[in-house]
PDB file of N, CA and C in Angstrom:
ATOM      1  N   MET A   1     -99.040 -29.105 153.441  1.00  0.00           N
ATOM      2  CA  MET A   1     -98.088 -28.886 154.558  1.00  0.00           C
ATOM      3  C   MET A   1     -97.066 -29.939 154.065  1.00  0.00           C
ATOM      4  N   LYS A   2     -97.558 -30.719 153.148  1.00  0.00           N
ATOM      5  CA  LYS A   2     -96.183 -32.023 153.132  1.00  0.00           C
ATOM      6  C   LYS A   2     -95.541 -31.853 152.300  1.00  0.00           C
ATOM      7  N   SER A   3     -95.365 -30.535 151.444  1.00  0.00           N
ATOM      8  CA  SER A   3     -94.684 -29.949 150.770  1.00  0.00           C
ATOM      9  C   SER A   3     -93.696 -29.372 151.289  1.00  0.00           C
ATOM     10  N   ASN A   4     -93.480 -28.754 152.564  1.00  0.00           N
ATOM     11  CA  ASN A   4     -92.635 -28.243 153.323  1.00  0.00           C
ATOM     12  C   ASN A   4     -92.081 -29.248 154.450  1.00  0.00           C
ATOM     13  N   GLY A   5     -92.763 -30.334 154.562  1.00  0.00           N
ATOM     14  CA  GLY A   5     -91.831 -31.469 155.207  1.00  0.00           C
ATOM     15  C   GLY A   5     -92.721 -31.572 156.579  1.00  0.00           C
ATOM     16  N   LEU A   6     -93.598 -30.700 157.128  1.00  0.00           N
ATOM     17  CA  LEU A   6     -94.153 -31.020 158.239  1.00  0.00           C
ATOM     18  C   LEU A   6     -95.898 -31.156 158.320  1.00  0.00           C
ATOM     19  N   ASN A   7     -95.831 -32.018 159.430  1.00  0.00           N
ATOM     20  CA  ASN A   7     -97.093 -32.889 159.352  1.00  0.00           C
ATOM     21  C   ASN A   7     -97.591 -31.761 160.350  1.00  0.00           C
ATOM     22  N   THR A   8     -99.253 -32.014 160.637  1.00  0.00           N
ATOM     23  CA  THR A   8     -99.894 -31.073 161.231  1.00  0.00           C
ATOM     24  C   THR A   8     -99.602 -30.626 162.643  1.00  0.00           C
ATOM     25  N   SER A   9     -99.004 -31.831 163.504  1.00  0.00           N
ATOM     26  CA  SER A   9     -98.726 -31.418 164.416  1.00  0.00           C
ATOM     27  C   SER A   9     -97.256 -30.723 165.062  1.00  0.00           C
ATOM     28  N   GLN A  10     -96.843 -30.891 163.901  1.00  0.00           N
ATOM     29  CA  GLN A  10     -95.653 -30.324 163.557  1.00  0.00           C
ATOM     30  C   GLN A  10     -95.806 -28.527 163.143  1.00  0.00           C
ATOM     31  N   LEU A  11     -96.650 -28.223 162.406  1.00  0.00           N
ATOM     32  CA  LEU A  11     -97.012 -27.003 161.984  1.00  0.00           C
ATOM     33  C   LEU A  11     -97.853 -26.174 163.209  1.00  0.00           C
ATOM     34  N   GLU A  12     -98.663 -27.176 163.914  1.00  0.00           N
ATOM     35  CA  GLU A  12     -99.090 -26.548 165.238  1.00  0.00           C
ATOM     36  C   GLU A  12     -97.988 -26.362 166.457  1.00  0.00           C
ATOM     37  N   ALA A  13     -97.073 -26.838 166.564  1.00  0.00           N
ATOM     38  CA  ALA A  13     -96.281 -26.740 167.320  1.00  0.00           C
ATOM     39  C   ALA A  13     -95.241 -25.436 167.070  1.00  0.00           C
ATOM     40  N   ASN A  14     -95.112 -25.615 165.856  1.00  0.00           N
ATOM     41  CA  ASN A  14     -94.059 -24.104 164.974  1.00  0.00           C
ATOM     42  C   ASN A  14     -95.295 -23.024 165.447  1.00  0.00           C
ATOM     43  N   ILE A  15     -96.297 -23.083 164.994  1.00  0.00           N
ATOM     44  CA  ILE A  15     -97.242 -21.735 165.201  1.00  0.00           C
ATOM     45  C   ILE A  15     -97.214 -21.343 166.895  1.00  0.00           C
ATOM     46  N   ARG A  16     -97.310 -22.090 167.892  1.00  0.00           N
ATOM     47  CA  ARG A  16     -97.327 -22.097 169.237  1.00  0.00           C
ATOM     48  C   ARG A  16     -96.230 -21.528 169.625  1.00  0.00           C
ATOM     49  N   ASN A  17     -94.927 -21.765 169.031  1.00  0.00           N
ATOM     50  CA  ASN A  17     -93.672 -21.413 169.878  1.00  0.00           C
ATOM     51  C   ASN A  17     -93.312 -20.091 169.115  1.00  0.00           C
ATOM     52  N   VAL A  18     -93.927 -19.863 168.034  1.00  0.00           N
ATOM     53  CA  VAL A  18     -93.459 -18.714 167.411  1.00  0.00           C
ATOM     54  C   VAL A  18     -95.095 -17.272 168.009  1.00  0.00           C
ATOM     55  N   SER A  19     -95.698 -18.080 168.609  1.00  0.00           N
ATOM     56  CA  SER A  19     -96.906 -17.294 169.309  1.00  0.00           C
ATOM     57  C   SER A  19     -96.553 -16.826 170.506  1.00  0.00           C
ATOM     58  N   HIS A  20     -95.727 -17.824 171.153  1.00  0.00           N
ATOM     59  CA  HIS A  20     -95.177 -17.778 172.460  1.00  0.00           C
ATOM     60  C   HIS A  20     -94.438 -16.563 172.507  1.00  0.00           C
ATOM     61  N   LYS A  21     -93.523 -16.384 171.527  1.00  0.00           N
ATOM     62  CA  LYS A  21     -92.252 -15.566 171.573  1.00  0.00           C
ATOM     63  C   LYS A  21     -92.574 -13.987 171.194  1.00  0.00           C
ATOM     64  N   ASN A  22     -93.745 -14.136 170.143  1.00  0.00           N
ATOM     65  CA  ASN A  22     -94.477 -12.764 169.845  1.00  0.00           C
ATOM     66  C   ASN A  22     -95.193 -12.001 171.158  1.00  0.00           C
ATOM     67  N   LEU A  23     -95.723 -13.277 172.024  1.00  0.00           N
ATOM     68  CA  LEU A  23     -96.439 -13.044 173.266  1.00  0.00           C
ATOM     69  C   LEU A  23     -95.276 -12.188 173.981  1.00  0.00           C
ATOM     70  N   LYS A  24     -94.345 -12.943 174.361  1.00  0.00           N
ATOM     71  CA  LYS A  24     -93.112 -12.759 175.457  1.00  0.00           C
ATOM     72  C   LYS A  24     -92.534 -11.086 174.414  1.00  0.00           C
ATOM     73  N   LEU A  25     -92.507 -11.167 173.404  1.00  0.00           N
ATOM     74  CA  LEU A  25     -91.986  -9.884 172.985  1.00  0.00           C
ATOM     75  C   LEU A  25     -93.108  -8.609 173.502  1.00  0.00           C
ATOM     76  N   ALA A  26     -93.719  -8.662 172.834  1.00  0.00           N
ATOM     77  CA  ALA A  26     -95.043  -7.720 173.081  1.00  0.00           C
ATOM     78  C   ALA A  26     -95.686  -7.216 174.513  1.00  0.00           C
ATOM     79  N   LEU A  27     -94.975  -8.395 175.361  1.00  0.00           N
ATOM     80  CA  LEU A  27     -95.329  -7.925 177.077  1.00  0.00           C
ATOM     81  C   LEU A  27     -93.973  -7.590 177.554  1.00  0.00           C
ATOM     82  N   GLY A  28     -93.230  -7.959 177.098  1.00  0.00           N
ATOM     83  CA  GLY A  28     -91.681  -6.987 177.331  1.00  0.00           C
ATOM     84  C   GLY A  28     -91.433  -5.552 176.683  1.00  0.00           C
ATOM     85  N   ILE A  29     -91.939  -5.551 175.558  1.00  0.00           N
ATOM     86  CA  ILE A  29     -92.015  -3.760 175.016  1.00  0.00           C
ATOM     87  C   ILE A  29     -93.292  -3.073 175.828  1.00  0.00           C
ATOM     88  N   GLN A  30     -94.221  -3.897 176.424  1.00  0.00           N
ATOM     89  CA  GLN A  30     -95.242  -2.731 176.951  1.00  0.00           C
ATOM     90  C   GLN A  30     -94.722  -2.652 178.622  1.00  0.00           C
ATOM     91  N   ALA A  31     -93.635  -3.483 179.011  1.00  0.00           N
ATOM     92  CA  ALA A  31     -92.986  -3.223 180.401  1.00  0.00           C
ATOM     93  C   ALA A  31     -92.085  -2.443 180.251  1.00  0.00           C
ATOM     94  N   ILE A  32     -91.504  -2.309 179.143  1.00  0.00           N
ATOM     95  CA  ILE A  32     -90.479  -1.206 178.850  1.00  0.00           C
ATOM     96  C   ILE A  32     -91.296   0.022 178.865  1.00  0.00           C
ATOM     97  N   ALA A  33     -92.246   0.390 178.161  1.00  0.00           N
ATOM     98  CA  ALA A  33     -92.836   1.489 178.085  1.00  0.00           C
ATOM     99  C   ALA A  33     -93.565   1.773 178.944  1.00  0.00           C
ATOM    100  N   ASP A  34     -94.153   1.009 180.335  1.00  0.00           N
ATOM    101  CA  ASP A  34     -94.571   1.551 181.350  1.00  0.00           C
ATOM    102  C   ASP A  34     -93.628   1.788 182.318  1.00  0.00           C
ATOM    103  N   GLU A  35     -92.625   1.160 182.300  1.00  0.00           N
ATOM    104  CA  GLU A  35     -91.577   1.913 182.796  1.00  0.00           C
ATOM    105  C   GLU A  35     -90.547   3.030 182.619  1.00  0.00           C
ATOM    106  N   GLN A  36     -90.638   3.317 181.342  1.00  0.00           N
ATOM    107  CA  GLN A  36     -90.479   4.489 181.008  1.00  0.00           C
ATOM    108  C   GLN A  36     -91.311   5.712 180.778  1.00  0.00           C
ATOM    109  N   LYS A  37     -92.160   5.441 180.968  1.00  0.00           N
ATOM    110  CA  LYS A  37     -93.576   5.964 180.878  1.00  0.00           C
ATOM    111  C   LYS A  37     -93.579   6.583 179.321  1.00  0.00           C
ATOM    112  N   ILE A  38     -93.390   5.680 178.339  1.00  0.00           N
ATOM    113  CA  ILE A  38     -93.336   6.142 177.101  1.00  0.00           C
ATOM    114  C   ILE A  38     -94.635   5.751 176.606  1.00  0.00           C
ATOM    115  N   GLU A  39     -95.475   7.180 175.906  1.00  0.00           N
ATOM    116  CA  GLU A  39     -96.292   7.082 175.440  1.00  0.00           C
ATOM    117  C   GLU A  39     -96.511   8.003 174.300  1.00  0.00           C
ATOM    118  N   VAL A  40     -97.581   7.866 174.126  1.00  0.00           N
ATOM    119  CA  VAL A  40     -98.278   8.558 172.284  1.00  0.00           C
ATOM    120  C   VAL A  40     -99.006   9.711 172.649  1.00  0.00           C
ATOM    121  N   SER A  41     -99.003  10.832 172.179  1.00  0.00           N
ATOM    122  CA  SER A  41    -100.135  12.006 172.242  1.00  0.00           C
ATOM    123  C   SER A  41    -100.802  11.963 171.080  1.00  0.00           C
ATOM    124  N   PRO A  42    -102.075  12.564 171.215  1.00  0.00           N
ATOM    125  CA  PRO A  42    -102.735  12.346 170.026  1.00  0.00           C
ATOM    126  C   PRO A  42    -102.372  13.392 168.757  1.00  0.00           C
ATOM    127  N   GLU A  43    -101.742  14.385 169.472  1.00  0.00           N
ATOM    128  CA  GLU A  43    -100.826  15.126 168.482  1.00  0.00           C
ATOM    129  C   GLU A  43     -99.602  14.287 167.559  1.00  0.00           C
ATOM    130  N   GLU A  44     -99.095  13.261 167.983  1.00  0.00           N
ATOM    131  CA  GLU A  44     -98.162  12.560 167.451  1.00  0.00           C
ATOM    132  C   GLU A  44     -98.771  11.608 166.692  1.00  0.00           C
ATOM    133  N   ILE A  45    -100.131  10.907 166.922  1.00  0.00           N
ATOM    134  CA  ILE A  45    -100.802  10.434 166.285  1.00  0.00           C
ATOM    135  C   ILE A  45    -101.420  10.675 164.874  1.00  0.00           C
ATOM    136  N   GLU A  46    -101.730  12.195 165.276  1.00  0.00           N
ATOM    137  CA  GLU A  46    -101.688  12.981 163.934  1.00  0.00           C
ATOM    138  C   GLU A  46    -101.167  13.500 162.962  1.00  0.00           C
ATOM    139  N   GLU A  47     -99.898  13.337 163.553  1.00  0.00           N
ATOM    140  CA  GLU A  47     -98.608  13.807 162.679  1.00  0.00           C
ATOM    141  C   GLU A  47     -98.283  12.578 162.113  1.00  0.00           C
ATOM    142  N   HIS A  48     -98.535  11.474 162.622  1.00  0.00           N
ATOM    143  CA  HIS A  48     -98.204  10.360 161.736  1.00  0.00           C
ATOM    144  C   HIS A  48     -99.468   9.871 160.906  1.00  0.00           C
ATOM    145  N   ILE A  49    -100.362  10.064 160.913  1.00  0.00           N
ATOM    146  CA  ILE A  49    -101.546   9.936 160.139  1.00  0.00           C
ATOM    147  C   ILE A  49    -101.276  10.914 158.427  1.00  0.00           C
ATOM    148  N   THR A  50    -100.851  12.052 158.862  1.00  0.00           N
ATOM    149  CA  THR A  50    -100.491  12.993 158.018  1.00  0.00           C
ATOM    150  C   THR A  50     -99.000  12.511 156.873  1.00  0.00           C
ATOM    151  N   LYS A  51     -98.197  11.977 157.802  1.00  0.00           N
ATOM    152  CA  LYS A  51     -97.124  11.497 157.082  1.00  0.00           C
ATOM    153  C   LYS A  51     -97.680  10.591 156.408  1.00  0.00           C
ATOM    154  N   LEU A  52     -98.147   9.186 156.649  1.00  0.00           N
ATOM    155  CA  LEU A  52     -99.110   8.322 156.172  1.00  0.00           C
ATOM    156  C   LEU A  52     -99.825   8.598 154.950  1.00  0.00           C
ATOM    157  N   ALA A  53    -100.420   9.729 154.715  1.00  0.00           N
ATOM    158  CA  ALA A  53    -101.489  10.320 154.023  1.00  0.00           C
ATOM    159  C   ALA A  53    -100.809  10.810 152.877  1.00  0.00           C
ATOM    160  N   THR A  54     -99.545  11.447 153.289  1.00  0.00           N
ATOM    161  CA  THR A  54     -98.157  11.909 152.109  1.00  0.00           C
ATOM    162  C   THR A  54     -98.146  10.886 151.285  1.00  0.00           C
ATOM    163  N   GLN A  55     -97.691   9.863 152.072  1.00  0.00           N
ATOM    164  CA  GLN A  55     -97.142   8.307 151.350  1.00  0.00           C
ATOM    165  C   GLN A  55     -97.835   8.050 150.081  1.00  0.00           C
ATOM    166  N   TYR A  56     -99.154   8.469 150.650  1.00  0.00           N
ATOM    167  CA  TYR A  56    -100.370   7.522 149.650  1.00  0.00           C
ATOM    168  C   TYR A  56    -101.045   8.434 149.050  1.00  0.00           C
ATOM    169  N   ASN A  57    -100.463   9.348 148.662  1.00  0.00           N
ATOM    170  CA  ASN A  57    -101.005  10.572 148.082  1.00  0.00           C
ATOM    171  C   ASN A  57    -102.975  10.712 148.637  1.00  0.00           C
ATOM    172  N   MET A  58    -102.822  10.815 150.067  1.00  0.00           N
ATOM    173  CA  MET A  58    -104.270  10.946 150.574  1.00  0.00           C
ATOM    174  C   MET A  58    -104.016  12.285 150.943  1.00  0.00           C
ATOM    175  N   LYS A  59    -105.744  12.558 151.379  1.00  0.00           N
ATOM    176  CA  LYS A  59    -105.454  13.538 152.597  1.00  0.00           C
ATOM    177  C   LYS A  59    -105.825  13.227 153.606  1.00  0.00           C
ATOM    178  N   PRO A  60    -105.490  13.352 154.799  1.00  0.00           N
ATOM    179  CA  PRO A  60    -105.482  12.777 156.171  1.00  0.00           C
ATOM    180  C   PRO A  60    -106.628  12.720 156.970  1.00  0.00           C
ATOM    181  N   GLU A  61    -107.641  13.428 156.233  1.00  0.00           N
ATOM    182  CA  GLU A  61    -108.977  12.881 156.406  1.00  0.00           C
ATOM    183  C   GLU A  61    -109.360  11.669 156.098  1.00  0.00           C
ATOM    184  N   GLU A  62    -109.091  11.733 154.773  1.00  0.00           N
ATOM    185  CA  GLU A  62    -109.407  10.195 154.209  1.00  0.00           C
ATOM    186  C   GLU A  62    -109.050   8.837 154.687  1.00  0.00           C
ATOM    187  N   LEU A  63    -107.808   9.206 155.149  1.00  0.00           N
ATOM    188  CA  LEU A  63    -107.184   7.996 155.702  1.00  0.00           C
ATOM    189  C   LEU A  63    -107.110   7.388 157.031  1.00  0.00           C
ATOM    190  N   LYS A  64    -107.596   8.547 157.718  1.00  0.00           N
ATOM    191  CA  LYS A  64    -108.052   8.805 158.808  1.00  0.00           C
ATOM    192  C   LYS A  64    -109.427   7.889 158.996  1.00  0.00           C
ATOM    193  N   ALA A  65    -110.084   8.111 158.164  1.00  0.00           N
ATOM    194  CA  ALA A  65    -111.425   7.897 158.104  1.00  0.00           C
ATOM    195  C   ALA A  65    -111.241   5.942 157.887  1.00  0.00           C
ATOM    196  N   LYS A  66    -110.109   5.535 157.013  1.00  0.00           N
ATOM    197  CA  LYS A  66    -110.144   3.962 156.395  1.00  0.00           C
ATOM    198  C   LYS A  66    -109.622   3.171 157.772  1.00  0.00           C
ATOM    199  N   ILE A  67    -108.784   4.355 158.423  1.00  0.00           N
ATOM    200  CA  ILE A  67    -108.199   3.642 159.623  1.00  0.00           C
ATOM    201  C   ILE A  67    -109.355   2.774 160.671  1.00  0.00           C
ATOM    202  N   THR A  68    -109.514   1.849 161.122  1.00  0.00           N
ATOM    203  CA  THR A  68    -110.481   0.851 161.892  1.00  0.00           C
ATOM    204  C   THR A  68    -110.366   1.068 163.353  1.00  0.00           C
ATOM    205  N   ASP A  69    -108.943   1.137 163.543  1.00  0.00           N
ATOM    206  CA  ASP A  69    -108.656   1.323 165.159  1.00  0.00           C
ATOM    207  C   ASP A  69    -107.682   1.607 165.442  1.00  0.00           C
ATOM    208  N   LEU A  70    -107.686   3.213 165.995  1.00  0.00           N
ATOM    209  CA  LEU A  70    -106.494   4.112 166.335  1.00  0.00           C
ATOM    210  C   LEU A  70    -105.655   3.981 167.533  1.00  0.00           C
ATOM    211  N   ASP A  71    -105.941   2.306 167.859  1.00  0.00           N
ATOM    212  CA  ASP A  71    -105.459   2.092 169.230  1.00  0.00           C
ATOM    213  C   ASP A  71    -104.123   1.205 168.660  1.00  0.00           C
ATOM    214  N   VAL A  72    -104.429   0.280 167.494  1.00  0.00           N
ATOM    215  CA  VAL A  72    -103.461  -0.078 166.882  1.00  0.00           C
ATOM    216  C   VAL A  72    -102.253   0.971 166.405  1.00  0.00           C
ATOM    217  N   LEU A  73    -102.723   1.811 165.860  1.00  0.00           N
ATOM    218  CA  LEU A  73    -101.771   2.868 165.049  1.00  0.00           C
ATOM    219  C   LEU A  73    -100.997   3.173 166.462  1.00  0.00           C
ATOM    220  N   GLU A  74    -101.231   3.328 167.614  1.00  0.00           N
ATOM    221  CA  GLU A  74    -100.569   3.824 168.791  1.00  0.00           C
ATOM    222  C   GLU A  74     -99.937   2.948 169.425  1.00  0.00           C
ATOM    223  N   GLY A  75    -100.375   1.787 169.132  1.00  0.00           N
ATOM    224  CA  GLY A  75     -99.339   0.481 169.470  1.00  0.00           C
ATOM    225  C   GLY A  75     -98.053   0.260 169.139  1.00  0.00           C
ATOM    226  N   GLN A  76     -98.193   0.796 167.489  1.00  0.00           N
ATOM    227  CA  GLN A  76     -97.071   0.949 166.854  1.00  0.00           C
ATOM    228  C   GLN A  76     -95.897   1.702 167.005  1.00  0.00           C
ATOM    229  N   LEU A  77     -96.666   3.279 167.135  1.00  0.00           N
ATOM    230  CA  LEU A  77     -95.754   4.405 167.655  1.00  0.00           C
ATOM    231  C   LEU A  77     -95.084   3.775 168.958  1.00  0.00           C
ATOM    232  N   ILE A  78     -95.979   3.408 170.023  1.00  0.00           N
ATOM    233  CA  ILE A  78     -95.234   3.183 170.978  1.00  0.00           C
ATOM    234  C   ILE A  78     -93.840   1.919 170.912  1.00  0.00           C
ATOM    235  N   ASN A  79     -94.367   1.052 170.047  1.00  0.00           N
ATOM    236  CA  ASN A  79     -93.358   0.134 169.453  1.00  0.00           C
ATOM    237  C   ASN A  79     -92.156   0.698 169.240  1.00  0.00           C
ATOM    238  N   GLU A  80     -92.097   1.895 168.176  1.00  0.00           N
ATOM    239  CA  GLU A  80     -91.038   2.329 167.745  1.00  0.00           C
ATOM    240  C   GLU A  80     -90.370   3.248 168.546  1.00  0.00           C
ATOM    241  N   LYS A  81     -91.379   3.988 169.635  1.00  0.00           N
ATOM    242  CA  LYS A  81     -90.806   4.427 170.635  1.00  0.00           C
ATOM    243  C   LYS A  81     -89.443   3.888 171.731  1.00  0.00           C
ATOM    244  N   VAL A  82     -90.042   2.367 171.789  1.00  0.00           N
ATOM    245  CA  VAL A  82     -89.297   1.695 172.810  1.00  0.00           C
ATOM    246  C   VAL A  82     -88.224   1.166 172.172  1.00  0.00           C
ATOM    247  N   LEU A  83     -88.538   0.939 171.012  1.00  0.00           N
ATOM    248  CA  LEU A  83     -87.191   0.615 170.038  1.00  0.00           C
ATOM    249  C   LEU A  83     -85.988   1.447 170.131  1.00  0.00           C
ATOM    250  N   LYS A  84     -86.469   2.691 169.737  1.00  0.00           N
ATOM    251  CA  LYS A  84     -85.687   3.735 169.554  1.00  0.00           C
ATOM    252  C   LYS A  84     -85.109   4.236 171.433  1.00  0.00           C
ATOM    253  N   PHE A  85     -85.712   3.998 171.922  1.00  0.00           N
ATOM    254  CA  PHE A  85     -84.999   3.679 173.428  1.00  0.00           C
ATOM    255  C   PHE A  85     -84.361   3.010 173.684  1.00  0.00           C
ATOM    256  N   LEU A  86     -84.556   1.819 173.222  1.00  0.00           N
ATOM    257  CA  LEU A  86     -83.496   0.748 173.394  1.00  0.00           C
ATOM    258  C   LEU A  86     -82.070   0.805 172.672  1.00  0.00           C
ATOM    259  N   ARG A  87     -82.486   1.224 171.253  1.00  0.00           N
ATOM    260  CA  ARG A  87     -80.986   1.582 170.503  1.00  0.00           C
ATOM    261  C   ARG A  87     -80.286   2.663 171.202  1.00  0.00           C
ATOM    262  N   GLU A  88     -80.854   3.871 171.440  1.00  0.00           N
ATOM    263  CA  GLU A  88     -80.438   4.696 172.249  1.00  0.00           C
ATOM    264  C   GLU A  88     -79.668   4.809 173.779  1.00  0.00           C
ATOM    265  N   SER A  89     -79.672   3.810 174.576  1.00  0.00           N
ATOM    266  CA  SER A  89     -79.550   3.312 175.658  1.00  0.00           C
ATOM    267  C   SER A  89     -78.148   2.371 175.905  1.00  0.00           C
TER     268      SER A  89
END
């Protein structure tokens, strides 16, 4: 820590600030998704898994077996849709 010029309390403060910003961003994205009724269908999740599997030269079933939490993938897709909505509006 000393190599970057920060002591422990400064590092903790920086981490706390970044955490607060990330939380505000996540809550803002979720609020927009709720307000605009932005959702991800099971078909969209399957399509995304197929696309990722192609990129990694895997079968979709293999990749799906390795994904431990589909909710995380769904959240990422919702984030993408919200960002697309914001760019287009």
